[in-house]
């Protein structure tokens, strides 16, 4: 998926996997280009939090959740990854 993980960085690819559960609940596991990892949690198909202690904000653009963590990280997560399809 498209991500930004460093200050002033440009969008690049993050490897992503997903653990799906019932009712649209899921955990998206990301590997960042710098070797880091991030988990983003979904409830009912909507992004609800992450494993970071930084602030969490999500906006929607069509069928994509744009997740912002802290002042730097940005992840563009398509609904199809979260719920299948």
N, C-alpha and C. Protein backbone atom coordinates (compact mmCIF):
# COMPACT_ATOMS: atom_id res chain seq x y z
N UNK A 1 0.85 -1.19 0.00
CA UNK A 1 0.00 0.00 0.00
C UNK A 1 0.88 1.24 0.00
N UNK A 2 0.31 2.37 -0.32
CA UNK A 2 1.05 3.63 -0.33
C UNK A 2 1.21 4.13 1.11
N UNK A 3 2.43 4.56 1.44
CA UNK A 3 2.67 5.07 2.79
C UNK A 3 3.76 6.14 2.79
N UNK A 4 3.73 6.94 3.83
CA UNK A 4 4.80 7.90 4.14
C UNK A 4 5.21 7.59 5.57
N UNK A 5 6.50 7.33 5.80
CA UNK A 5 6.93 6.96 7.14
C UNK A 5 8.12 7.76 7.66
N UNK A 6 8.55 8.77 6.89
CA UNK A 6 9.66 9.60 7.37
C UNK A 6 9.35 11.07 7.10
N UNK A 7 9.88 11.93 7.95
CA UNK A 7 9.63 13.37 7.82
C UNK A 7 10.09 13.85 6.45
N UNK A 8 9.22 14.53 5.73
CA UNK A 8 9.54 15.04 4.42
C UNK A 8 9.57 13.98 3.34
N UNK A 9 9.22 12.74 3.70
CA UNK A 9 9.27 11.64 2.76
C UNK A 9 8.16 11.71 1.72
N UNK A 10 8.41 11.06 0.61
CA UNK A 10 7.41 10.97 -0.44
C UNK A 10 6.67 9.64 -0.29
N UNK A 11 5.46 9.56 -0.82
CA UNK A 11 4.74 8.28 -0.76
C UNK A 11 5.54 7.18 -1.43
N UNK A 12 5.56 6.04 -0.78
CA UNK A 12 6.23 4.87 -1.32
C UNK A 12 5.47 3.63 -0.90
N UNK A 13 5.96 2.47 -1.27
CA UNK A 13 5.24 1.24 -0.95
C UNK A 13 5.58 0.69 0.44
N UNK A 14 4.55 0.25 1.14
CA UNK A 14 4.71 -0.53 2.37
C UNK A 14 4.12 -1.90 2.09
N UNK A 15 4.82 -2.94 2.49
CA UNK A 15 4.27 -4.28 2.38
C UNK A 15 3.17 -4.42 3.41
N UNK A 16 2.06 -5.04 3.02
CA UNK A 16 0.92 -5.14 3.92
C UNK A 16 0.33 -6.54 3.91
N UNK A 17 -0.10 -6.97 5.07
CA UNK A 17 -0.84 -8.20 5.23
C UNK A 17 -2.03 -7.90 6.12
N UNK A 18 -2.97 -8.82 6.18
CA UNK A 18 -4.17 -8.57 6.98
C UNK A 18 -4.61 -9.84 7.68
N UNK A 19 -5.07 -9.67 8.90
CA UNK A 19 -5.72 -10.74 9.65
C UNK A 19 -7.17 -10.32 9.78
N UNK A 20 -8.06 -11.05 9.10
CA UNK A 20 -9.49 -10.71 9.11
C UNK A 20 -10.22 -11.55 10.14
N UNK A 21 -11.20 -10.92 10.77
CA UNK A 21 -12.09 -11.59 11.70
C UNK A 21 -13.53 -11.32 11.27
N UNK A 22 -14.47 -11.77 12.02
CA UNK A 22 -15.89 -11.58 11.69
C UNK A 22 -16.29 -10.11 11.71
N UNK A 23 -17.34 -9.79 10.96
CA UNK A 23 -18.01 -8.49 11.00
C UNK A 23 -17.14 -7.31 10.57
N UNK A 24 -16.16 -7.54 9.70
CA UNK A 24 -15.32 -6.45 9.22
C UNK A 24 -14.21 -6.04 10.16
N UNK A 25 -14.00 -6.81 11.23
CA UNK A 25 -12.89 -6.53 12.14
C UNK A 25 -11.61 -7.10 11.54
N UNK A 26 -10.51 -6.36 11.65
CA UNK A 26 -9.26 -6.81 11.05
C UNK A 26 -8.08 -6.07 11.66
N UNK A 27 -6.91 -6.65 11.48
CA UNK A 27 -5.65 -6.00 11.81
C UNK A 27 -4.81 -5.98 10.54
N UNK A 28 -4.42 -4.80 10.10
CA UNK A 28 -3.54 -4.66 8.95
C UNK A 28 -2.12 -4.51 9.50
N UNK A 29 -1.24 -5.41 9.06
CA UNK A 29 0.15 -5.39 9.50
C UNK A 29 1.01 -4.86 8.36
N UNK A 30 1.80 -3.84 8.66
CA UNK A 30 2.60 -3.15 7.64
C UNK A 30 4.08 -3.26 7.94
N UNK A 31 4.87 -3.42 6.89
CA UNK A 31 6.32 -3.34 6.99
C UNK A 31 6.74 -2.11 6.23
N UNK A 32 7.38 -1.17 6.92
CA UNK A 32 7.74 0.10 6.31
C UNK A 32 9.08 -0.01 5.58
N UNK A 33 9.32 0.89 4.62
CA UNK A 33 10.57 0.84 3.84
C UNK A 33 11.82 0.92 4.70
N UNK A 34 11.73 1.54 5.88
CA UNK A 34 12.91 1.67 6.76
C UNK A 34 13.09 0.48 7.68
N UNK A 35 12.29 -0.58 7.48
CA UNK A 35 12.42 -1.79 8.29
C UNK A 35 11.53 -1.82 9.52
N UNK A 36 10.72 -0.79 9.72
CA UNK A 36 9.82 -0.75 10.86
C UNK A 36 8.54 -1.54 10.60
N UNK A 37 7.72 -1.60 11.62
CA UNK A 37 6.43 -2.27 11.52
C UNK A 37 5.36 -1.41 12.16
N UNK A 38 4.15 -1.59 11.68
CA UNK A 38 3.00 -0.87 12.23
C UNK A 38 1.78 -1.77 12.11
N UNK A 39 0.90 -1.72 13.09
CA UNK A 39 -0.38 -2.41 13.03
C UNK A 39 -1.49 -1.37 13.12
N UNK A 40 -2.49 -1.53 12.26
CA UNK A 40 -3.65 -0.65 12.26
C UNK A 40 -4.87 -1.53 12.44
N UNK A 41 -5.72 -1.15 13.39
CA UNK A 41 -6.88 -1.96 13.77
C UNK A 41 -8.15 -1.42 13.15
N UNK A 42 -8.99 -2.33 12.67
CA UNK A 42 -10.26 -1.99 12.05
C UNK A 42 -11.40 -2.68 12.79
N UNK A 43 -12.48 -1.96 13.00
CA UNK A 43 -13.69 -2.49 13.60
C UNK A 43 -14.84 -2.19 12.66
N UNK A 44 -15.57 -3.20 12.26
CA UNK A 44 -16.67 -2.99 11.32
C UNK A 44 -16.23 -2.36 10.02
N UNK A 45 -14.99 -2.66 9.59
CA UNK A 45 -14.47 -2.12 8.34
C UNK A 45 -13.91 -0.72 8.44
N UNK A 46 -13.90 -0.12 9.62
CA UNK A 46 -13.40 1.25 9.80
C UNK A 46 -12.15 1.26 10.67
N UNK A 47 -11.17 2.05 10.27
CA UNK A 47 -9.93 2.17 11.05
C UNK A 47 -10.26 2.81 12.40
N UNK A 48 -9.81 2.16 13.48
CA UNK A 48 -10.14 2.63 14.83
C UNK A 48 -8.93 2.90 15.71
N UNK A 49 -7.73 2.47 15.31
CA UNK A 49 -6.57 2.71 16.14
C UNK A 49 -5.34 2.00 15.59
N UNK A 50 -4.24 2.15 16.31
CA UNK A 50 -2.99 1.52 15.88
C UNK A 50 -2.18 1.11 17.10
N UNK A 51 -1.05 0.48 16.86
CA UNK A 51 -0.17 0.09 17.96
C UNK A 51 0.80 1.22 18.35
N UNK A 52 0.66 2.38 17.74
CA UNK A 52 1.51 3.53 18.07
C UNK A 52 0.91 4.30 19.25
N UNK A 53 1.76 4.97 19.98
CA UNK A 53 1.28 5.83 21.07
C UNK A 53 0.98 7.24 20.59
N UNK A 54 1.26 7.52 19.33
CA UNK A 54 1.03 8.85 18.75
C UNK A 54 -0.45 9.02 18.41
N UNK A 55 -0.83 10.25 18.10
CA UNK A 55 -2.21 10.56 17.73
C UNK A 55 -2.62 9.78 16.49
N UNK A 56 -3.91 9.53 16.37
CA UNK A 56 -4.46 8.72 15.29
C UNK A 56 -5.63 9.46 14.67
N UNK A 57 -5.62 9.58 13.33
CA UNK A 57 -6.70 10.26 12.63
C UNK A 57 -6.95 9.52 11.33
N UNK A 58 -8.22 9.40 10.96
CA UNK A 58 -8.55 8.73 9.70
C UNK A 58 -9.58 9.55 8.94
N UNK A 59 -9.35 9.67 7.64
CA UNK A 59 -10.32 10.29 6.74
C UNK A 59 -10.59 9.28 5.63
N UNK A 60 -11.67 9.52 4.91
CA UNK A 60 -12.04 8.61 3.82
C UNK A 60 -11.93 9.34 2.49
N UNK A 61 -11.46 8.62 1.49
CA UNK A 61 -11.41 9.13 0.12
C UNK A 61 -11.88 7.97 -0.77
N UNK A 62 -13.15 8.00 -1.16
CA UNK A 62 -13.72 6.89 -1.91
C UNK A 62 -13.71 5.63 -1.07
N UNK A 63 -13.07 4.57 -1.58
CA UNK A 63 -13.00 3.31 -0.85
C UNK A 63 -11.64 3.11 -0.18
N UNK A 64 -11.01 4.21 0.21
CA UNK A 64 -9.69 4.17 0.85
C UNK A 64 -9.74 4.92 2.19
N UNK A 65 -9.18 4.29 3.22
CA UNK A 65 -8.98 4.96 4.51
C UNK A 65 -7.59 5.59 4.50
N UNK A 66 -7.53 6.88 4.75
CA UNK A 66 -6.24 7.57 4.84
C UNK A 66 -5.96 7.74 6.33
N UNK A 67 -5.02 6.95 6.83
CA UNK A 67 -4.70 6.90 8.25
C UNK A 67 -3.46 7.73 8.51
N UNK A 68 -3.57 8.66 9.44
CA UNK A 68 -2.44 9.50 9.85
C UNK A 68 -2.11 9.17 11.31
N UNK A 69 -0.84 8.87 11.53
CA UNK A 69 -0.36 8.54 12.87
C UNK A 69 0.73 9.53 13.22
N UNK A 70 0.53 10.26 14.30
CA UNK A 70 1.48 11.30 14.67
C UNK A 70 1.52 12.37 13.60
N UNK A 71 2.66 13.03 13.48
CA UNK A 71 2.82 14.12 12.51
C UNK A 71 3.47 13.66 11.21
N UNK A 72 3.88 12.39 11.13
CA UNK A 72 4.66 11.95 9.98
C UNK A 72 3.97 10.84 9.17
N UNK A 73 3.53 9.80 9.84
CA UNK A 73 3.08 8.60 9.14
C UNK A 73 1.72 8.78 8.47
N UNK A 74 1.63 8.31 7.22
CA UNK A 74 0.37 8.32 6.46
C UNK A 74 0.27 7.00 5.71
N UNK A 75 -0.86 6.33 5.85
CA UNK A 75 -1.10 5.06 5.18
C UNK A 75 -2.42 5.14 4.43
N UNK A 76 -2.43 4.68 3.18
CA UNK A 76 -3.65 4.66 2.35
C UNK A 76 -4.08 3.21 2.21
N UNK A 77 -5.13 2.84 2.96
CA UNK A 77 -5.53 1.44 3.05
C UNK A 77 -6.87 1.23 2.34
N UNK A 78 -6.88 0.47 1.24
CA UNK A 78 -8.12 0.23 0.52
C UNK A 78 -9.04 -0.72 1.28
N UNK A 79 -10.35 -0.49 1.16
CA UNK A 79 -11.33 -1.34 1.82
C UNK A 79 -11.15 -2.80 1.42
N UNK A 80 -10.80 -3.06 0.16
CA UNK A 80 -10.65 -4.43 -0.32
C UNK A 80 -9.62 -5.21 0.49
N UNK A 81 -8.58 -4.54 0.96
CA UNK A 81 -7.58 -5.21 1.80
C UNK A 81 -8.20 -5.61 3.13
N UNK A 82 -8.99 -4.73 3.69
CA UNK A 82 -9.55 -4.96 5.03
C UNK A 82 -10.65 -6.01 5.02
N UNK A 83 -11.59 -5.92 4.10
CA UNK A 83 -12.75 -6.80 4.13
C UNK A 83 -12.74 -7.85 3.02
N UNK A 84 -11.74 -7.80 2.15
CA UNK A 84 -11.67 -8.74 1.02
C UNK A 84 -12.45 -8.18 -0.16
N UNK A 85 -12.16 -8.72 -1.31
CA UNK A 85 -12.92 -8.27 -2.47
C UNK A 85 -12.13 -7.85 -3.63
